[in-house]
Amino acid sequence: MSTMRKEGCPVTSQMLRCKALEVAADEGLAPEKFKASHSRRRRFMRRHKRSIRTRTRQGQTTPEDAEAAKAKFIADVRAAIIEHGITTVYNVDQTGEELS
């Protein structure tokens, strides 16, 4: 798993399952005795402090037109509030933006 990650290959649950079944067969475990279930994989990952997610090698950059897109979005929301007579607005995203 570590080798694959170093080479930039993402490790998937299915890959982990196939490898676990391969190792189990090499150890002489019958397929009906070891299923390589999701819960087994989850416990293995927790025990060895691993995760399926991989870190990105690229930082996120703000697009050049981000300020213009933000201003347009705010204008569109304000227009919709007025058009529909909305009096209460709830924020359902992780980032809040003041519209007043």
PDB file of N, CA and C in Angstrom:
ATOM      1  N   MET A   1       0.822  -1.179   0.000  1.00  0.00           N
ATOM      2  CA  MET A   1       0.000   0.000   0.000  1.00  0.00           C
ATOM      3  C   MET A   1       0.874   1.254   0.000  1.00  0.00           C
ATOM      4  N   SER A   2       1.874   1.276   0.861  1.00  0.00           N
ATOM      5  CA  SER A   2       2.768   2.434   0.933  1.00  0.00           C
ATOM      6  C   SER A   2       3.527   2.616  -0.371  1.00  0.00           C
ATOM      7  N   THR A   3       3.974   1.519  -0.959  1.00  0.00           N
ATOM      8  CA  THR A   3       4.722   1.582  -2.212  1.00  0.00           C
ATOM      9  C   THR A   3       3.870   2.174  -3.320  1.00  0.00           C
ATOM     10  N   MET A   4       2.623   1.715  -3.403  1.00  0.00           N
ATOM     11  CA  MET A   4       1.730   2.224  -4.443  1.00  0.00           C
ATOM     12  C   MET A   4       1.486   3.716  -4.265  1.00  0.00           C
ATOM     13  N   ARG A   5       1.295   4.140  -3.029  1.00  0.00           N
ATOM     14  CA  ARG A   5       1.056   5.567  -2.772  1.00  0.00           C
ATOM     15  C   ARG A   5       2.271   6.399  -3.156  1.00  0.00           C
ATOM     16  N   LYS A   6       3.470   5.896  -2.835  1.00  0.00           N
ATOM     17  CA  LYS A   6       4.684   6.634  -3.177  1.00  0.00           C
ATOM     18  C   LYS A   6       4.815   6.798  -4.683  1.00  0.00           C
ATOM     19  N   GLU A   7       4.312   5.804  -5.431  1.00  0.00           N
ATOM     20  CA  GLU A   7       4.360   5.862  -6.890  1.00  0.00           C
ATOM     21  C   GLU A   7       3.225   6.697  -7.466  1.00  0.00           C
ATOM     22  N   GLY A   8       2.341   7.190  -6.594  1.00  0.00           N
ATOM     23  CA  GLY A   8       1.247   8.042  -7.047  1.00  0.00           C
ATOM     24  C   GLY A   8      -0.016   7.307  -7.438  1.00  0.00           C
ATOM     25  N   CYS A   9      -0.067   5.997  -7.163  1.00  0.00           N
ATOM     26  CA  CYS A   9      -1.259   5.212  -7.490  1.00  0.00           C
ATOM     27  C   CYS A   9      -2.240   5.258  -6.324  1.00  0.00           C
ATOM     28  N   PRO A  10      -3.495   5.614  -6.586  1.00  0.00           N
ATOM     29  CA  PRO A  10      -4.474   5.590  -5.500  1.00  0.00           C
ATOM     30  C   PRO A  10      -4.820   4.155  -5.126  1.00  0.00           C
ATOM     31  N   VAL A  11      -4.974   3.890  -3.850  1.00  0.00           N
ATOM     32  CA  VAL A  11      -5.341   2.559  -3.364  1.00  0.00           C
ATOM     33  C   VAL A  11      -6.843   2.556  -3.117  1.00  0.00           C
ATOM     34  N   THR A  12      -7.552   1.627  -3.750  1.00  0.00           N
ATOM     35  CA  THR A  12      -9.000   1.562  -3.601  1.00  0.00           C
ATOM     36  C   THR A  12      -9.389   0.432  -2.654  1.00  0.00           C
ATOM     37  N   SER A  13     -10.626   0.470  -2.197  1.00  0.00           N
ATOM     38  CA  SER A  13     -11.147  -0.589  -1.330  1.00  0.00           C
ATOM     39  C   SER A  13     -11.103  -1.932  -2.046  1.00  0.00           C
ATOM     40  N   GLN A  14     -11.438  -1.923  -3.334  1.00  0.00           N
ATOM     41  CA  GLN A  14     -11.441  -3.168  -4.109  1.00  0.00           C
ATOM     42  C   GLN A  14     -10.029  -3.744  -4.219  1.00  0.00           C
ATOM     43  N   MET A  15      -9.028  -2.892  -4.403  1.00  0.00           N
ATOM     44  CA  MET A  15      -7.642  -3.365  -4.472  1.00  0.00           C
ATOM     45  C   MET A  15      -7.228  -3.993  -3.148  1.00  0.00           C
ATOM     46  N   LEU A  16      -7.616  -3.353  -2.052  1.00  0.00           N
ATOM     47  CA  LEU A  16      -7.299  -3.865  -0.724  1.00  0.00           C
ATOM     48  C   LEU A  16      -7.964  -5.214  -0.499  1.00  0.00           C
ATOM     49  N   ARG A  17      -9.217  -5.321  -0.920  1.00  0.00           N
ATOM     50  CA  ARG A  17      -9.970  -6.572  -0.770  1.00  0.00           C
ATOM     51  C   ARG A  17      -9.302  -7.704  -1.559  1.00  0.00           C
ATOM     52  N   CYS A  18      -8.924  -7.427  -2.802  1.00  0.00           N
ATOM     53  CA  CYS A  18      -8.270  -8.446  -3.636  1.00  0.00           C
ATOM     54  C   CYS A  18      -6.953  -8.910  -3.014  1.00  0.00           C
ATOM     55  N   LYS A  19      -6.176  -7.966  -2.500  1.00  0.00           N
ATOM     56  CA  LYS A  19      -4.900  -8.318  -1.873  1.00  0.00           C
ATOM     57  C   LYS A  19      -5.131  -9.144  -0.613  1.00  0.00           C
ATOM     58  N   ALA A  20      -6.153  -8.776   0.183  1.00  0.00           N
ATOM     59  CA  ALA A  20      -6.466  -9.529   1.402  1.00  0.00           C
ATOM     60  C   ALA A  20      -6.870 -10.958   1.056  1.00  0.00           C
ATOM     61  N   LEU A  21      -7.677 -11.125   0.011  1.00  0.00           N
ATOM     62  CA  LEU A  21      -8.085 -12.472  -0.409  1.00  0.00           C
ATOM     63  C   LEU A  21      -6.886 -13.274  -0.910  1.00  0.00           C
ATOM     64  N   GLU A  22      -5.984 -12.603  -1.606  1.00  0.00           N
ATOM     65  CA  GLU A  22      -4.772 -13.259  -2.107  1.00  0.00           C
ATOM     66  C   GLU A  22      -3.898 -13.739  -0.944  1.00  0.00           C
ATOM     67  N   VAL A  23      -3.699 -12.882   0.049  1.00  0.00           N
ATOM     68  CA  VAL A  23      -2.889 -13.241   1.218  1.00  0.00           C
ATOM     69  C   VAL A  23      -3.558 -14.370   1.992  1.00  0.00           C
ATOM     70  N   ALA A  24      -4.869 -14.301   2.146  1.00  0.00           N
ATOM     71  CA  ALA A  24      -5.609 -15.351   2.860  1.00  0.00           C
ATOM     72  C   ALA A  24      -5.450 -16.691   2.154  1.00  0.00           C
ATOM     73  N   ALA A  25      -5.520 -16.685   0.827  1.00  0.00           N
ATOM     74  CA  ALA A  25      -5.350 -17.925   0.060  1.00  0.00           C
ATOM     75  C   ALA A  25      -3.927 -18.462   0.229  1.00  0.00           C
ATOM     76  N   ASP A  26      -2.936 -17.558   0.211  1.00  0.00           N
ATOM     77  CA  ASP A  26      -1.539 -17.968   0.412  1.00  0.00           C
ATOM     78  C   ASP A  26      -1.331 -18.592   1.788  1.00  0.00           C
ATOM     79  N   GLU A  27      -2.093 -18.117   2.772  1.00  0.00           N
ATOM     80  CA  GLU A  27      -1.989 -18.634   4.138  1.00  0.00           C
ATOM     81  C   GLU A  27      -2.830 -19.889   4.344  1.00  0.00           C
ATOM     82  N   GLY A  28      -3.537 -20.311   3.309  1.00  0.00           N
ATOM     83  CA  GLY A  28      -4.312 -21.541   3.394  1.00  0.00           C
ATOM     84  C   GLY A  28      -5.720 -21.382   3.934  1.00  0.00           C
ATOM     85  N   LEU A  29      -6.211 -20.159   4.036  1.00  0.00           N
ATOM     86  CA  LEU A  29      -7.586 -19.947   4.492  1.00  0.00           C
ATOM     87  C   LEU A  29      -8.551 -20.209   3.344  1.00  0.00           C
ATOM     88  N   ALA A  30      -9.589 -20.963   3.631  1.00  0.00           N
ATOM     89  CA  ALA A  30     -10.596 -21.259   2.615  1.00  0.00           C
ATOM     90  C   ALA A  30     -11.408 -20.001   2.322  1.00  0.00           C
ATOM     91  N   PRO A  31     -11.834 -19.802   1.064  1.00  0.00           N
ATOM     92  CA  PRO A  31     -12.614 -18.610   0.703  1.00  0.00           C
ATOM     93  C   PRO A  31     -13.883 -18.438   1.532  1.00  0.00           C
ATOM     94  N   GLU A  32     -14.486 -19.539   1.970  1.00  0.00           N
ATOM     95  CA  GLU A  32     -15.704 -19.420   2.782  1.00  0.00           C
ATOM     96  C   GLU A  32     -15.395 -19.029   4.230  1.00  0.00           C
ATOM     97  N   LYS A  33     -14.135 -19.126   4.641  1.00  0.00           N
ATOM     98  CA  LYS A  33     -13.732 -18.752   6.001  1.00  0.00           C
ATOM     99  C   LYS A  33     -13.335 -17.272   6.099  1.00  0.00           C
ATOM    100  N   PHE A  34     -12.842 -16.703   4.996  1.00  0.00           N
ATOM    101  CA  PHE A  34     -12.387 -15.310   4.997  1.00  0.00           C
ATOM    102  C   PHE A  34     -12.973 -14.593   3.790  1.00  0.00           C
ATOM    103  N   LYS A  35     -13.820 -13.612   4.048  1.00  0.00           N
ATOM    104  CA  LYS A  35     -14.523 -12.913   2.965  1.00  0.00           C
ATOM    105  C   LYS A  35     -13.923 -11.546   2.627  1.00  0.00           C
ATOM    106  N   ALA A  36     -13.013 -11.054   3.440  1.00  0.00           N
ATOM    107  CA  ALA A  36     -12.443  -9.709   3.246  1.00  0.00           C
ATOM    108  C   ALA A  36     -13.564  -8.672   3.196  1.00  0.00           C
ATOM    109  N   SER A  37     -14.399  -8.694   4.213  1.00  0.00           N
ATOM    110  CA  SER A  37     -15.567  -7.813   4.268  1.00  0.00           C
ATOM    111  C   SER A  37     -15.175  -6.355   4.503  1.00  0.00           C
ATOM    112  N   HIS A  38     -16.144  -5.493   4.297  1.00  0.00           N
ATOM    113  CA  HIS A  38     -15.929  -4.056   4.498  1.00  0.00           C
ATOM    114  C   HIS A  38     -15.530  -3.763   5.947  1.00  0.00           C
ATOM    115  N   SER A  39     -16.193  -4.417   6.888  1.00  0.00           N
ATOM    116  CA  SER A  39     -15.884  -4.160   8.300  1.00  0.00           C
ATOM    117  C   SER A  39     -14.473  -4.624   8.648  1.00  0.00           C
ATOM    118  N   ARG A  40     -14.010  -5.723   8.055  1.00  0.00           N
ATOM    119  CA  ARG A  40     -12.640  -6.189   8.282  1.00  0.00           C
ATOM    120  C   ARG A  40     -11.630  -5.190   7.728  1.00  0.00           C
ATOM    121  N   ARG A  41     -11.930  -4.676   6.528  1.00  0.00           N
ATOM    122  CA  ARG A  41     -11.041  -3.691   5.916  1.00  0.00           C
ATOM    123  C   ARG A  41     -10.990  -2.426   6.769  1.00  0.00           C
ATOM    124  N   ARG A  42     -12.143  -1.984   7.250  1.00  0.00           N
ATOM    125  CA  ARG A  42     -12.212  -0.779   8.068  1.00  0.00           C
ATOM    126  C   ARG A  42     -11.391  -0.941   9.350  1.00  0.00           C
ATOM    127  N   ARG A  43     -11.509  -2.107  10.006  1.00  0.00           N
ATOM    128  CA  ARG A  43     -10.738  -2.347  11.233  1.00  0.00           C
ATOM    129  C   ARG A  43      -9.236  -2.419  10.937  1.00  0.00           C
ATOM    130  N   PHE A  44      -8.879  -3.065   9.831  1.00  0.00           N
ATOM    131  CA  PHE A  44      -7.473  -3.143   9.423  1.00  0.00           C
ATOM    132  C   PHE A  44      -6.908  -1.736   9.214  1.00  0.00           C
ATOM    133  N   MET A  45      -7.659  -0.915   8.501  1.00  0.00           N
ATOM    134  CA  MET A  45      -7.204   0.442   8.214  1.00  0.00           C
ATOM    135  C   MET A  45      -7.055   1.251   9.508  1.00  0.00           C
ATOM    136  N   ARG A  46      -7.994   1.121  10.414  1.00  0.00           N
ATOM    137  CA  ARG A  46      -7.936   1.849  11.686  1.00  0.00           C
ATOM    138  C   ARG A  46      -6.743   1.368  12.510  1.00  0.00           C
ATOM    139  N   ARG A  47      -6.555   0.050  12.578  1.00  0.00           N
ATOM    140  CA  ARG A  47      -5.474  -0.528  13.374  1.00  0.00           C
ATOM    141  C   ARG A  47      -4.105  -0.058  12.874  1.00  0.00           C
ATOM    142  N   HIS A  48      -3.962   0.071  11.559  1.00  0.00           N
ATOM    143  CA  HIS A  48      -2.675   0.457  10.977  1.00  0.00           C
ATOM    144  C   HIS A  48      -2.602   1.944  10.628  1.00  0.00           C
ATOM    145  N   LYS A  49      -3.598   2.702  11.100  1.00  0.00           N
ATOM    146  CA  LYS A  49      -3.641   4.158  10.889  1.00  0.00           C
ATOM    147  C   LYS A  49      -3.465   4.527   9.418  1.00  0.00           C
ATOM    148  N   ARG A  50      -4.265   3.913   8.590  1.00  0.00           N
ATOM    149  CA  ARG A  50      -4.246   4.164   7.149  1.00  0.00           C
ATOM    150  C   ARG A  50      -5.587   4.723   6.704  1.00  0.00           C
ATOM    151  N   SER A  51      -5.614   5.315   5.532  1.00  0.00           N
ATOM    152  CA  SER A  51      -6.874   5.771   4.956  1.00  0.00           C
ATOM    153  C   SER A  51      -6.812   5.583   3.448  1.00  0.00           C
ATOM    154  N   ILE A  52      -7.981   5.531   2.834  1.00  0.00           N
ATOM    155  CA  ILE A  52      -8.061   5.354   1.386  1.00  0.00           C
ATOM    156  C   ILE A  52      -7.750   6.669   0.674  1.00  0.00           C
ATOM    157  N   ARG A  53      -8.058   7.774   1.310  1.00  0.00           N
ATOM    158  CA  ARG A  53      -7.847   9.077   0.684  1.00  0.00           C
ATOM    159  C   ARG A  53      -6.375   9.327   0.415  1.00  0.00           C
ATOM    160  N   THR A  54      -6.116  10.021  -0.664  1.00  0.00           N
ATOM    161  CA  THR A  54      -4.742  10.407  -0.974  1.00  0.00           C
ATOM    162  C   THR A  54      -4.651  11.926  -0.960  1.00  0.00           C
ATOM    163  N   ARG A  55      -3.514  12.417  -0.601  1.00  0.00           N
ATOM    164  CA  ARG A  55      -3.302  13.857  -0.586  1.00  0.00           C
ATOM    165  C   ARG A  55      -3.083  14.345  -2.007  1.00  0.00           C
ATOM    166  N   THR A  56      -3.583  15.517  -2.260  1.00  0.00           N
ATOM    167  CA  THR A  56      -3.372  16.110  -3.570  1.00  0.00           C
ATOM    168  C   THR A  56      -1.976  16.728  -3.618  1.00  0.00           C
ATOM    169  N   ARG A  57      -1.403  16.702  -4.766  1.00  0.00           N
ATOM    170  CA  ARG A  57      -0.074  17.285  -4.918  1.00  0.00           C
ATOM    171  C   ARG A  57      -0.168  18.748  -5.355  1.00  0.00           C
ATOM    172  N   GLN A  58      -1.370  19.180  -5.689  1.00  0.00           N
ATOM    173  CA  GLN A  58      -1.550  20.537  -6.173  1.00  0.00           C
ATOM    174  C   GLN A  58      -2.339  21.346  -5.160  1.00  0.00           C
ATOM    175  N   GLY A  59      -1.904  22.542  -4.935  1.00  0.00           N
ATOM    176  CA  GLY A  59      -2.664  23.436  -4.073  1.00  0.00           C
ATOM    177  C   GLY A  59      -3.838  24.006  -4.848  1.00  0.00           C
ATOM    178  N   GLN A  60      -4.885  24.353  -4.149  1.00  0.00           N
ATOM    179  CA  GLN A  60      -6.017  24.966  -4.818  1.00  0.00           C
ATOM    180  C   GLN A  60      -5.707  26.434  -5.049  1.00  0.00           C
ATOM    181  N   THR A  61      -5.989  26.887  -6.241  1.00  0.00           N
ATOM    182  CA  THR A  61      -5.771  28.291  -6.559  1.00  0.00           C
ATOM    183  C   THR A  61      -7.119  28.947  -6.831  1.00  0.00           C
ATOM    184  N   THR A  62      -7.218  30.192  -6.465  1.00  0.00           N
ATOM    185  CA  THR A  62      -8.443  30.943  -6.697  1.00  0.00           C
ATOM    186  C   THR A  62      -8.465  31.399  -8.150  1.00  0.00           C
ATOM    187  N   PRO A  63      -9.566  31.131  -8.859  1.00  0.00           N
ATOM    188  CA  PRO A  63      -9.656  31.583 -10.253  1.00  0.00           C
ATOM    189  C   PRO A  63      -9.564  33.113 -10.336  1.00  0.00           C
ATOM    190  N   GLU A  64      -9.092  33.597 -11.461  1.00  0.00           N
ATOM    191  CA  GLU A  64      -8.926  35.040 -11.637  1.00  0.00           C
ATOM    192  C   GLU A  64     -10.248  35.785 -11.540  1.00  0.00           C
ATOM    193  N   ASP A  65     -11.327  35.144 -11.974  1.00  0.00           N
ATOM    194  CA  ASP A  65     -12.630  35.811 -11.980  1.00  0.00           C
ATOM    195  C   ASP A  65     -13.441  35.517 -10.713  1.00  0.00           C
ATOM    196  N   ALA A  66     -12.784  35.103  -9.636  1.00  0.00           N
ATOM    197  CA  ALA A  66     -13.496  34.725  -8.410  1.00  0.00           C
ATOM    198  C   ALA A  66     -14.288  35.889  -7.828  1.00  0.00           C
ATOM    199  N   GLU A  67     -13.689  37.074  -7.795  1.00  0.00           N
ATOM    200  CA  GLU A  67     -14.391  38.241  -7.238  1.00  0.00           C
ATOM    201  C   GLU A  67     -15.612  38.590  -8.077  1.00  0.00           C
ATOM    202  N   ALA A  68     -15.485  38.514  -9.396  1.00  0.00           N
ATOM    203  CA  ALA A  68     -16.620  38.809 -10.281  1.00  0.00           C
ATOM    204  C   ALA A  68     -17.717  37.762 -10.105  1.00  0.00           C
ATOM    205  N   ALA A  69     -17.324  36.492  -9.986  1.00  0.00           N
ATOM    206  CA  ALA A  69     -18.300  35.415  -9.786  1.00  0.00           C
ATOM    207  C   ALA A  69     -19.012  35.584  -8.451  1.00  0.00           C
ATOM    208  N   LYS A  70     -18.265  35.988  -7.435  1.00  0.00           N
ATOM    209  CA  LYS A  70     -18.848  36.218  -6.111  1.00  0.00           C
ATOM    210  C   LYS A  70     -19.864  37.358  -6.169  1.00  0.00           C
ATOM    211  N   ALA A  71     -19.484  38.464  -6.812  1.00  0.00           N
ATOM    212  CA  ALA A  71     -20.381  39.617  -6.923  1.00  0.00           C
ATOM    213  C   ALA A  71     -21.642  39.259  -7.700  1.00  0.00           C
ATOM    214  N   LYS A  72     -21.500  38.484  -8.772  1.00  0.00           N
ATOM    215  CA  LYS A  72     -22.662  38.066  -9.563  1.00  0.00           C
ATOM    216  C   LYS A  72     -23.573  37.169  -8.738  1.00  0.00           C
ATOM    217  N   PHE A  73     -22.985  36.240  -7.991  1.00  0.00           N
ATOM    218  CA  PHE A  73     -23.783  35.344  -7.146  1.00  0.00           C
ATOM    219  C   PHE A  73     -24.573  36.144  -6.114  1.00  0.00           C
ATOM    220  N   ILE A  74     -23.924  37.081  -5.451  1.00  0.00           N
ATOM    221  CA  ILE A  74     -24.597  37.901  -4.441  1.00  0.00           C
ATOM    222  C   ILE A  74     -25.731  38.699  -5.074  1.00  0.00           C
ATOM    223  N   ALA A  75     -25.481  39.272  -6.253  1.00  0.00           N
ATOM    224  CA  ALA A  75     -26.527  40.033  -6.949  1.00  0.00           C
ATOM    225  C   ALA A  75     -27.700  39.128  -7.317  1.00  0.00           C
ATOM    226  N   ASP A  76     -27.406  37.911  -7.792  1.00  0.00           N
ATOM    227  CA  ASP A  76     -28.469  36.964  -8.155  1.00  0.00           C
ATOM    228  C   ASP A  76     -29.294  36.567  -6.936  1.00  0.00           C
ATOM    229  N   VAL A  77     -28.622  36.337  -5.806  1.00  0.00           N
ATOM    230  CA  VAL A  77     -29.338  35.958  -4.580  1.00  0.00           C
ATOM    231  C   VAL A  77     -30.209  37.111  -4.111  1.00  0.00           C
ATOM    232  N   ARG A  78     -29.660  38.312  -4.117  1.00  0.00           N
ATOM    233  CA  ARG A  78     -30.449  39.489  -3.709  1.00  0.00           C
ATOM    234  C   ARG A  78     -31.675  39.660  -4.602  1.00  0.00           C
ATOM    235  N   ALA A  79     -31.494  39.486  -5.913  1.00  0.00           N
ATOM    236  CA  ALA A  79     -32.615  39.614  -6.850  1.00  0.00           C
ATOM    237  C   ALA A  79     -33.679  38.557  -6.568  1.00  0.00           C
ATOM    238  N   ALA A  80     -33.252  37.323  -6.287  1.00  0.00           N
ATOM    239  CA  ALA A  80     -34.207  36.248  -5.983  1.00  0.00           C
ATOM    240  C   ALA A  80     -34.947  36.531  -4.682  1.00  0.00           C
ATOM    241  N   ILE A  81     -34.258  37.090  -3.700  1.00  0.00           N
ATOM    242  CA  ILE A  81     -34.888  37.433  -2.415  1.00  0.00           C
ATOM    243  C   ILE A  81     -35.991  38.465  -2.635  1.00  0.00           C
ATOM    244  N   ILE A  82     -35.690  39.489  -3.419  1.00  0.00           N
ATOM    245  CA  ILE A  82     -36.677  40.539  -3.698  1.00  0.00           C
ATOM    246  C   ILE A  82     -37.827  39.989  -4.540  1.00  0.00           C
ATOM    247  N   GLU A  83     -37.480  39.247  -5.592  1.00  0.00           N
ATOM    248  CA  GLU A  83     -38.497  38.705  -6.507  1.00  0.00           C
ATOM    249  C   GLU A  83     -39.495  37.801  -5.793  1.00  0.00           C
ATOM    250  N   HIS A  84     -39.026  36.974  -4.880  1.00  0.00           N
ATOM    251  CA  HIS A  84     -39.892  36.001  -4.212  1.00  0.00           C
ATOM    252  C   HIS A  84     -40.381  36.468  -2.841  1.00  0.00           C
ATOM    253  N   GLY A  85     -40.015  37.674  -2.448  1.00  0.00           N
ATOM    254  CA  GLY A  85     -40.473  38.206  -1.169  1.00  0.00           C
ATOM    255  C   GLY A  85     -39.957  37.427   0.030  1.00  0.00           C
ATOM    256  N   ILE A  86     -38.745  36.943  -0.068  1.00  0.00           N
ATOM    257  CA  ILE A  86     -38.146  36.142   1.007  1.00  0.00           C
ATOM    258  C   ILE A  86     -37.726  37.066   2.147  1.00  0.00           C
ATOM    259  N   THR A  87     -38.081  36.672   3.371  1.00  0.00           N
ATOM    260  CA  THR A  87     -37.725  37.492   4.537  1.00  0.00           C
ATOM    261  C   THR A  87     -36.654  36.845   5.411  1.00  0.00           C
ATOM    262  N   THR A  88     -36.488  35.539   5.295  1.00  0.00           N
ATOM    263  CA  THR A  88     -35.491  34.833   6.102  1.00  0.00           C
ATOM    264  C   THR A  88     -34.614  33.990   5.182  1.00  0.00           C
ATOM    265  N   VAL A  89     -33.304  34.144   5.321  1.00  0.00           N
ATOM    266  CA  VAL A  89     -32.354  33.380   4.507  1.00  0.00           C
ATOM    267  C   VAL A  89     -31.482  32.558   5.443  1.00  0.00           C
ATOM    268  N   TYR A  90     -31.375  31.258   5.164  1.00  0.00           N
ATOM    269  CA  TYR A  90     -30.534  30.368   5.965  1.00  0.00           C
ATOM    270  C   TYR A  90     -29.285  30.008   5.186  1.00  0.00           C
ATOM    271  N   ASN A  91     -28.177  29.900   5.882  1.00  0.00           N
ATOM    272  CA  ASN A  91     -26.922  29.501   5.271  1.00  0.00           C
ATOM    273  C   ASN A  91     -26.764  27.995   5.440  1.00  0.00           C
ATOM    274  N   VAL A  92     -26.621  27.261   4.330  1.00  0.00           N
ATOM    275  CA  VAL A  92     -26.488  25.808   4.405  1.00  0.00           C
ATOM    276  C   VAL A  92     -25.118  25.344   3.920  1.00  0.00           C
ATOM    277  N   ASP A  93     -24.206  26.262   3.763  1.00  0.00           N
ATOM    278  CA  ASP A  93     -22.861  25.923   3.333  1.00  0.00           C
ATOM    279  C   ASP A  93     -21.918  26.094   4.520  1.00  0.00           C
ATOM    280  N   GLN A  94     -20.703  25.647   4.377  1.00  0.00           N
ATOM    281  CA  GLN A  94     -19.743  25.769   5.469  1.00  0.00           C
ATOM    282  C   GLN A  94     -19.159  27.166   5.568  1.00  0.00           C
ATOM    283  N   THR A  95     -19.305  27.944   4.506  1.00  0.00           N
ATOM    284  CA  THR A  95     -18.773  29.299   4.542  1.00  0.00           C
ATOM    285  C   THR A  95     -19.920  30.286   4.463  1.00  0.00           C
ATOM    286  N   GLY A  96     -19.902  31.251   5.318  1.00  0.00           N
ATOM    287  CA  GLY A  96     -20.959  32.250   5.320  1.00  0.00           C
ATOM    288  C   GLY A  96     -20.541  33.490   4.557  1.00  0.00           C
ATOM    289  N   GLU A  97     -21.491  34.150   3.952  1.00  0.00           N
ATOM    290  CA  GLU A  97     -21.214  35.374   3.215  1.00  0.00           C
ATOM    291  C   GLU A  97     -22.284  36.390   3.583  1.00  0.00           C
ATOM    292  N   GLU A  98     -21.886  37.554   3.976  1.00  0.00           N
ATOM    293  CA  GLU A  98     -22.819  38.614   4.356  1.00  0.00           C
ATOM    294  C   GLU A  98     -23.425  39.215   3.096  1.00  0.00           C
ATOM    295  N   LEU A  99     -24.758  39.207   3.010  1.00  0.00           N
ATOM    296  CA  LEU A  99     -25.433  39.722   1.823  1.00  0.00           C
ATOM    297  C   LEU A  99     -26.035  41.102   2.037  1.00  0.00           C
ATOM    298  N   SER A 100     -25.971  41.633   3.225  1.00  0.00           N
ATOM    299  CA  SER A 100     -26.619  42.927   3.475  1.00  0.00           C
ATOM    300  C   SER A 100     -25.718  44.098   3.184  1.00  0.00           C
TER     301      SER A 100
END
